[in-house]
Amino acid sequence: MAPLVPEAVERGGHVRVGLEDAPLGSGRTNVELVEDARGRIADAGATLATADEVRREVSAANTGV
């Protein structure tokens, strides 16, 4: 996942991160994975969405707004 972050940010995409996306047996915690992704996103020139921003976007996508 990590090498794709700059490309996703550049193209206006989204980055999903969490234990379910980590290699089996990685030993990293969810917090570590999220902190790493946050840093990579910031390095690529973007910021994290807030929970409210994500909810609005998902709601709009589901209603076709």
C-alpha atoms as a PDB file:
ATOM      1  CA  MET A   1       0.000   0.000   0.000  1.00  0.00           C
ATOM      2  CA  ALA A   2       2.666   2.510   1.027  1.00  0.00           C
ATOM      3  CA  PRO A   3       4.337   2.949  -2.382  1.00  0.00           C
ATOM      4  CA  LEU A   4       0.972   3.784  -3.956  1.00  0.00           C
ATOM      5  CA  VAL A   5       0.124   6.685  -1.623  1.00  0.00           C
ATOM      6  CA  PRO A   6       1.805   9.480  -3.650  1.00  0.00           C
ATOM      7  CA  GLU A   7       0.147   8.278  -6.864  1.00  0.00           C
ATOM      8  CA  ALA A   8      -3.267   8.038  -5.189  1.00  0.00           C
ATOM      9  CA  VAL A   9      -2.926  11.552  -3.759  1.00  0.00           C
ATOM     10  CA  GLU A  10      -1.746  12.976  -7.082  1.00  0.00           C
ATOM     11  CA  ARG A  11      -4.766  11.499  -8.864  1.00  0.00           C
ATOM     12  CA  GLY A  12      -7.228  12.683  -6.210  1.00  0.00           C
ATOM     13  CA  GLY A  13      -7.834   9.186  -4.935  1.00  0.00           C
ATOM     14  CA  HIS A  14      -8.313   7.812  -1.465  1.00  0.00           C
ATOM     15  CA  VAL A  15      -6.090   5.692   0.737  1.00  0.00           C
ATOM     16  CA  ARG A  16      -7.473   2.896   2.877  1.00  0.00           C
ATOM     17  CA  VAL A  17      -5.378   1.707   5.776  1.00  0.00           C
ATOM     18  CA  GLY A  18      -5.728  -0.692   8.671  1.00  0.00           C
ATOM     19  CA  LEU A  19      -4.878  -4.143   9.929  1.00  0.00           C
ATOM     20  CA  GLU A  20      -6.885  -5.796   7.160  1.00  0.00           C
ATOM     21  CA  ASP A  21      -4.534  -4.186   4.627  1.00  0.00           C
ATOM     22  CA  ALA A  22      -1.282  -5.223   6.354  1.00  0.00           C
ATOM     23  CA  PRO A  23       0.669  -8.312   5.368  1.00  0.00           C
ATOM     24  CA  LEU A  24      -0.173 -11.290   7.548  1.00  0.00           C
ATOM     25  CA  GLY A  25       2.151 -11.421  10.541  1.00  0.00           C
ATOM     26  CA  SER A  26       3.482  -7.890  10.047  1.00  0.00           C
ATOM     27  CA  GLY A  27       3.422  -7.252  13.798  1.00  0.00           C
ATOM     28  CA  ARG A  28       2.490  -3.597  13.330  1.00  0.00           C
ATOM     29  CA  THR A  29      -0.428  -2.149  15.246  1.00  0.00           C
ATOM     30  CA  ASN A  30      -3.347  -0.384  13.606  1.00  0.00           C
ATOM     31  CA  VAL A  31      -2.120   2.889  15.131  1.00  0.00           C
ATOM     32  CA  GLU A  32       1.314   2.395  13.572  1.00  0.00           C
ATOM     33  CA  LEU A  33      -0.211   1.695  10.174  1.00  0.00           C
ATOM     34  CA  VAL A  34      -2.447   4.767  10.332  1.00  0.00           C
ATOM     35  CA  GLU A  35       0.402   7.013  11.524  1.00  0.00           C
ATOM     36  CA  ASP A  36       2.606   5.766   8.685  1.00  0.00           C
ATOM     37  CA  ALA A  37      -0.133   6.414   6.130  1.00  0.00           C
ATOM     38  CA  ARG A  38      -0.798   9.871   7.573  1.00  0.00           C
ATOM     39  CA  GLY A  39       2.864  10.760   7.188  1.00  0.00           C
ATOM     40  CA  ARG A  40       2.990   9.494   3.619  1.00  0.00           C
ATOM     41  CA  ILE A  41      -0.179  11.399   2.742  1.00  0.00           C
ATOM     42  CA  ALA A  42       1.258  14.589   4.251  1.00  0.00           C
ATOM     43  CA  ASP A  43       4.542  14.050   2.381  1.00  0.00           C
ATOM     44  CA  ALA A  44       2.499  13.792  -0.824  1.00  0.00           C
ATOM     45  CA  GLY A  45       0.928  17.198  -0.108  1.00  0.00           C
ATOM     46  CA  ALA A  46      -2.503  16.206   1.178  1.00  0.00           C
ATOM     47  CA  THR A  47      -4.309  16.032   4.504  1.00  0.00           C
ATOM     48  CA  LEU A  48      -6.518  13.415   6.087  1.00  0.00           C
ATOM     49  CA  ALA A  49     -10.257  13.760   5.760  1.00  0.00           C
ATOM     50  CA  THR A  50     -12.236  14.163   8.948  1.00  0.00           C
ATOM     51  CA  ALA A  51     -14.845  11.582   9.893  1.00  0.00           C
ATOM     52  CA  ASP A  52     -17.582  14.086   8.960  1.00  0.00           C
ATOM     53  CA  GLU A  53     -16.033  14.682   5.530  1.00  0.00           C
ATOM     54  CA  VAL A  54     -15.922  10.952   4.852  1.00  0.00           C
ATOM     55  CA  ARG A  55     -19.525  10.498   5.993  1.00  0.00           C
ATOM     56  CA  ARG A  56     -20.695  13.286   3.658  1.00  0.00           C
ATOM     57  CA  GLU A  57     -18.798  11.853   0.715  1.00  0.00           C
ATOM     58  CA  VAL A  58     -20.072   8.318   1.292  1.00  0.00           C
ATOM     59  CA  SER A  59     -23.603   9.595   1.760  1.00  0.00           C
ATOM     60  CA  ALA A  60     -23.422  11.610  -1.466  1.00  0.00           C
ATOM     61  CA  ALA A  61     -22.033   8.609  -3.355  1.00  0.00           C
ATOM     62  CA  ASN A  62     -24.823   6.396  -2.057  1.00  0.00           C
ATOM     63  CA  THR A  63     -27.585   8.869  -2.938  1.00  0.00           C
ATOM     64  CA  GLY A  64     -26.154  10.032  -6.248  1.00  0.00           C
ATOM     65  CA  VAL A  65     -25.908  13.647  -5.054  1.00  0.00           C
END
